[in-house]
C-alpha cells in the first residue's frame, strides 16, 4: 500500500473476516488510524443508540474488493483525485 493511507481514519466493517486481519494489519503498517467494527461491538453500539452515519455529498466509491482498490489507487496515482478534500472542505 502506498502513502495514501498515512494518518487517515479508516473504518473496516469486517475486521475478522477472511481478509479483515490482513487488511487491518496492512493499513496499520501505513500509519492509518483504523477502527474495526465486529458483530458484538456493533450490536452493543446500536442498542445504546450510539451508532451514527455521516452523509457525504462528494465523491464516494466502495473499496470492497482488490479490483476496486486497484481502480482507486490508479485514480490517485494518476492525479485524478475526486475524493481529495481541500483544507477548507474538512
N, C-alpha and C. Protein backbone atom coordinates (compact mmCIF):
# COMPACT_ATOMS: atom_id res chain seq x y z
N UNK A 1 0.85 -1.18 0.00
CA UNK A 1 0.00 0.00 0.00
C UNK A 1 0.89 1.23 0.00
N UNK A 2 0.38 2.28 -0.55
CA UNK A 2 1.19 3.48 -0.64
C UNK A 2 0.86 4.47 0.47
N UNK A 3 1.39 5.67 0.38
CA UNK A 3 1.23 6.66 1.44
C UNK A 3 -0.16 7.28 1.47
N UNK A 4 -1.06 6.89 0.58
CA UNK A 4 -2.43 7.41 0.57
C UNK A 4 -3.08 7.26 1.94
N UNK A 5 -2.82 6.15 2.64
CA UNK A 5 -3.50 5.84 3.89
C UNK A 5 -2.83 6.46 5.11
N UNK A 6 -1.65 7.04 4.97
CA UNK A 6 -0.93 7.58 6.11
C UNK A 6 -1.76 8.63 6.84
N UNK A 7 -1.95 8.43 8.14
CA UNK A 7 -2.67 9.34 9.04
C UNK A 7 -4.15 9.52 8.68
N UNK A 8 -4.71 8.68 7.85
CA UNK A 8 -6.14 8.75 7.54
C UNK A 8 -6.92 7.85 8.49
N UNK A 9 -8.12 8.27 8.81
CA UNK A 9 -9.02 7.43 9.60
C UNK A 9 -9.71 6.47 8.65
N UNK A 10 -9.70 5.19 8.99
CA UNK A 10 -10.25 4.16 8.13
C UNK A 10 -11.18 3.27 8.94
N UNK A 11 -12.41 3.06 8.46
CA UNK A 11 -13.36 2.17 9.11
C UNK A 11 -13.37 0.85 8.34
N UNK A 12 -13.03 -0.22 9.03
CA UNK A 12 -13.08 -1.56 8.44
C UNK A 12 -14.26 -2.26 9.08
N UNK A 13 -15.27 -2.59 8.27
CA UNK A 13 -16.51 -3.14 8.83
C UNK A 13 -16.48 -4.65 9.01
N UNK A 14 -15.47 -5.31 8.53
CA UNK A 14 -15.38 -6.76 8.68
C UNK A 14 -13.97 -7.15 9.07
N UNK A 15 -13.52 -6.65 10.19
CA UNK A 15 -12.14 -6.86 10.62
C UNK A 15 -11.79 -8.27 11.01
N UNK A 16 -12.78 -9.17 11.09
CA UNK A 16 -12.48 -10.56 11.47
C UNK A 16 -12.77 -11.54 10.35
N UNK A 17 -13.16 -11.07 9.19
CA UNK A 17 -13.48 -11.97 8.07
C UNK A 17 -12.25 -12.56 7.43
N UNK A 18 -12.40 -13.03 6.22
CA UNK A 18 -11.31 -13.69 5.51
C UNK A 18 -10.10 -12.78 5.33
N UNK A 19 -10.32 -11.56 4.85
CA UNK A 19 -9.21 -10.64 4.61
C UNK A 19 -9.08 -9.56 5.68
N UNK A 20 -10.02 -9.49 6.61
CA UNK A 20 -10.04 -8.44 7.62
C UNK A 20 -8.73 -8.28 8.39
N UNK A 21 -8.24 -9.34 9.03
CA UNK A 21 -6.99 -9.19 9.80
C UNK A 21 -5.82 -8.72 8.94
N UNK A 22 -5.72 -9.25 7.73
CA UNK A 22 -4.64 -8.84 6.82
C UNK A 22 -4.79 -7.36 6.47
N UNK A 23 -6.01 -6.94 6.13
CA UNK A 23 -6.25 -5.55 5.75
C UNK A 23 -5.95 -4.60 6.90
N UNK A 24 -6.44 -4.91 8.08
CA UNK A 24 -6.19 -4.06 9.25
C UNK A 24 -4.69 -3.95 9.51
N UNK A 25 -3.99 -5.07 9.43
CA UNK A 25 -2.54 -5.06 9.64
C UNK A 25 -1.83 -4.19 8.61
N UNK A 26 -2.19 -4.35 7.35
CA UNK A 26 -1.55 -3.55 6.28
C UNK A 26 -1.83 -2.07 6.45
N UNK A 27 -3.06 -1.72 6.79
CA UNK A 27 -3.40 -0.31 6.99
C UNK A 27 -2.64 0.28 8.17
N UNK A 28 -2.53 -0.49 9.24
CA UNK A 28 -1.79 0.00 10.41
C UNK A 28 -0.31 0.16 10.09
N UNK A 29 0.23 -0.68 9.21
CA UNK A 29 1.62 -0.54 8.79
C UNK A 29 1.87 0.78 8.06
N UNK A 30 0.82 1.36 7.47
CA UNK A 30 0.97 2.64 6.76
C UNK A 30 0.64 3.82 7.66
N UNK A 31 0.45 3.57 8.96
CA UNK A 31 0.11 4.60 9.95
C UNK A 31 -1.31 5.13 9.80
N UNK A 32 -2.19 4.32 9.21
CA UNK A 32 -3.60 4.70 9.15
C UNK A 32 -4.22 4.53 10.54
N UNK A 33 -5.23 5.34 10.83
CA UNK A 33 -5.97 5.23 12.09
C UNK A 33 -7.15 4.30 11.82
N UNK A 34 -7.05 3.06 12.25
CA UNK A 34 -8.01 2.02 11.88
C UNK A 34 -9.02 1.77 13.00
N UNK A 35 -10.29 1.74 12.62
CA UNK A 35 -11.37 1.32 13.51
C UNK A 35 -12.02 0.12 12.84
N UNK A 36 -12.13 -0.97 13.57
CA UNK A 36 -12.72 -2.19 13.01
C UNK A 36 -13.98 -2.53 13.79
N UNK A 37 -15.11 -2.59 13.09
CA UNK A 37 -16.36 -2.96 13.73
C UNK A 37 -16.60 -4.45 13.56
N UNK A 38 -16.90 -5.09 14.64
CA UNK A 38 -17.22 -6.50 14.62
C UNK A 38 -18.65 -6.67 15.12
N UNK A 39 -19.17 -7.85 15.02
CA UNK A 39 -20.58 -8.10 15.31
C UNK A 39 -20.99 -7.65 16.72
N UNK A 40 -20.31 -8.10 17.76
CA UNK A 40 -20.73 -7.77 19.13
C UNK A 40 -20.63 -6.28 19.42
N UNK A 41 -19.49 -5.62 19.14
CA UNK A 41 -19.44 -4.17 19.40
C UNK A 41 -20.48 -3.39 18.60
N UNK A 42 -20.73 -3.83 17.37
CA UNK A 42 -21.71 -3.14 16.53
C UNK A 42 -23.11 -3.25 17.13
N UNK A 43 -23.48 -4.43 17.58
CA UNK A 43 -24.79 -4.61 18.22
C UNK A 43 -24.90 -3.78 19.49
N UNK A 44 -23.83 -3.77 20.28
CA UNK A 44 -23.83 -3.00 21.53
C UNK A 44 -24.01 -1.51 21.25
N UNK A 45 -23.33 -0.99 20.24
CA UNK A 45 -23.48 0.43 19.88
C UNK A 45 -24.90 0.72 19.40
N UNK A 46 -25.48 -0.17 18.60
CA UNK A 46 -26.83 0.04 18.09
C UNK A 46 -27.84 0.05 19.24
N UNK A 47 -27.72 -0.89 20.16
CA UNK A 47 -28.64 -0.94 21.31
C UNK A 47 -28.53 0.32 22.17
N UNK A 48 -27.33 0.87 22.28
CA UNK A 48 -27.11 2.06 23.12
C UNK A 48 -27.45 3.36 22.38
N UNK A 49 -27.89 3.25 21.13
CA UNK A 49 -28.23 4.46 20.37
C UNK A 49 -27.00 5.26 19.98
N UNK A 50 -25.85 4.61 19.91
CA UNK A 50 -24.60 5.31 19.63
C UNK A 50 -24.08 5.07 18.22
N UNK A 51 -24.86 4.38 17.41
CA UNK A 51 -24.45 4.10 16.04
C UNK A 51 -24.95 5.22 15.14
N UNK A 52 -24.05 5.87 14.44
CA UNK A 52 -24.40 7.01 13.62
C UNK A 52 -23.83 6.87 12.22
N UNK A 53 -24.32 7.70 11.32
CA UNK A 53 -23.83 7.69 9.95
C UNK A 53 -23.52 9.13 9.54
N UNK A 54 -22.68 9.26 8.55
CA UNK A 54 -22.31 10.57 8.03
C UNK A 54 -22.67 10.61 6.55
N UNK A 55 -23.43 11.62 6.16
CA UNK A 55 -23.81 11.76 4.76
C UNK A 55 -22.72 12.55 4.04
N UNK A 56 -22.22 11.99 2.98
CA UNK A 56 -21.18 12.66 2.19
C UNK A 56 -21.78 13.03 0.85
N UNK A 57 -21.68 14.28 0.49
CA UNK A 57 -22.23 14.76 -0.76
C UNK A 57 -21.22 14.72 -1.90
N UNK A 58 -19.98 14.47 -1.58
CA UNK A 58 -18.94 14.45 -2.61
C UNK A 58 -18.71 13.06 -3.17
N UNK A 59 -17.53 12.85 -3.68
CA UNK A 59 -17.13 11.58 -4.30
C UNK A 59 -17.16 10.44 -3.28
N UNK A 60 -17.70 9.32 -3.68
CA UNK A 60 -17.65 8.11 -2.86
C UNK A 60 -17.57 6.91 -3.78
N UNK A 61 -16.71 5.98 -3.45
CA UNK A 61 -16.63 4.74 -4.21
C UNK A 61 -16.25 3.63 -3.23
N UNK A 62 -17.01 2.57 -3.22
CA UNK A 62 -16.73 1.46 -2.31
C UNK A 62 -15.40 0.81 -2.65
N UNK A 63 -14.72 0.33 -1.62
CA UNK A 63 -13.48 -0.38 -1.84
C UNK A 63 -13.59 -1.72 -1.12
N UNK A 64 -14.50 -2.55 -1.64
CA UNK A 64 -14.76 -3.84 -1.04
C UNK A 64 -13.94 -4.96 -1.64
N UNK A 65 -13.37 -4.74 -2.79
CA UNK A 65 -12.60 -5.79 -3.46
C UNK A 65 -11.22 -5.27 -3.86
N UNK A 66 -10.33 -6.19 -4.14
CA UNK A 66 -8.99 -5.80 -4.57
C UNK A 66 -9.07 -5.04 -5.89
N UNK A 67 -9.98 -5.44 -6.76
CA UNK A 67 -10.16 -4.74 -8.04
C UNK A 67 -10.56 -3.27 -7.83
N UNK A 68 -11.46 -3.03 -6.87
CA UNK A 68 -11.86 -1.65 -6.56
C UNK A 68 -10.68 -0.88 -5.97
N UNK A 69 -9.89 -1.53 -5.12
CA UNK A 69 -8.70 -0.88 -4.58
C UNK A 69 -7.75 -0.47 -5.71
N UNK A 70 -7.53 -1.39 -6.66
CA UNK A 70 -6.63 -1.09 -7.77
C UNK A 70 -7.14 0.10 -8.59
N UNK A 71 -8.45 0.15 -8.83
CA UNK A 71 -9.03 1.24 -9.60
C UNK A 71 -8.84 2.58 -8.87
N UNK A 72 -9.12 2.60 -7.57
CA UNK A 72 -8.96 3.83 -6.80
C UNK A 72 -7.49 4.23 -6.69
N UNK A 73 -6.63 3.26 -6.51
CA UNK A 73 -5.20 3.54 -6.42
C UNK A 73 -4.68 4.11 -7.74
N UNK A 74 -5.18 3.58 -8.85
CA UNK A 74 -4.79 4.10 -10.17
C UNK A 74 -5.27 5.54 -10.35
N UNK A 75 -6.50 5.83 -9.93
CA UNK A 75 -7.00 7.22 -9.99
C UNK A 75 -6.10 8.15 -9.20
N UNK A 76 -5.78 7.74 -7.97
CA UNK A 76 -4.96 8.58 -7.08
C UNK A 76 -3.58 8.80 -7.67
N UNK A 77 -2.97 7.72 -8.17
CA UNK A 77 -1.62 7.81 -8.72
C UNK A 77 -1.55 8.66 -9.98
N UNK A 78 -2.64 8.69 -10.74
CA UNK A 78 -2.66 9.46 -11.99
C UNK A 78 -2.96 10.94 -11.76
N UNK A 79 -3.25 11.31 -10.51
CA UNK A 79 -3.55 12.71 -10.23
C UNK A 79 -5.04 13.02 -10.27
N UNK A 80 -5.85 12.05 -10.69
CA UNK A 80 -7.30 12.23 -10.67
C UNK A 80 -7.79 11.87 -9.29
N UNK A 81 -7.99 12.88 -8.46
CA UNK A 81 -8.33 12.64 -7.06
C UNK A 81 -9.66 13.28 -6.70
N UNK A 82 -10.76 12.71 -7.21
CA UNK A 82 -12.06 13.34 -6.98
C UNK A 82 -12.49 13.37 -5.52
N UNK A 83 -11.91 12.51 -4.68
CA UNK A 83 -12.30 12.48 -3.28
C UNK A 83 -11.39 13.28 -2.37
N UNK A 84 -10.35 13.89 -2.90
CA UNK A 84 -9.42 14.62 -2.06
C UNK A 84 -10.03 15.94 -1.62
N UNK A 85 -10.13 16.14 -0.33
CA UNK A 85 -10.72 17.36 0.22
C UNK A 85 -9.64 18.40 0.46
N UNK A 86 -9.93 19.62 0.14
CA UNK A 86 -9.04 20.72 0.47
C UNK A 86 -9.19 21.08 1.93
N UNK A 87 -8.30 21.88 2.46
CA UNK A 87 -8.34 22.25 3.86
C UNK A 87 -9.65 22.93 4.24
N UNK A 88 -10.24 23.68 3.31
CA UNK A 88 -11.47 24.38 3.60
C UNK A 88 -12.70 23.45 3.56
N UNK A 89 -12.54 22.21 3.09
CA UNK A 89 -13.64 21.28 2.99
C UNK A 89 -13.70 20.32 4.17
N UNK A 90 -12.71 20.31 5.04
CA UNK A 90 -12.68 19.35 6.14
C UNK A 90 -13.58 19.74 7.27
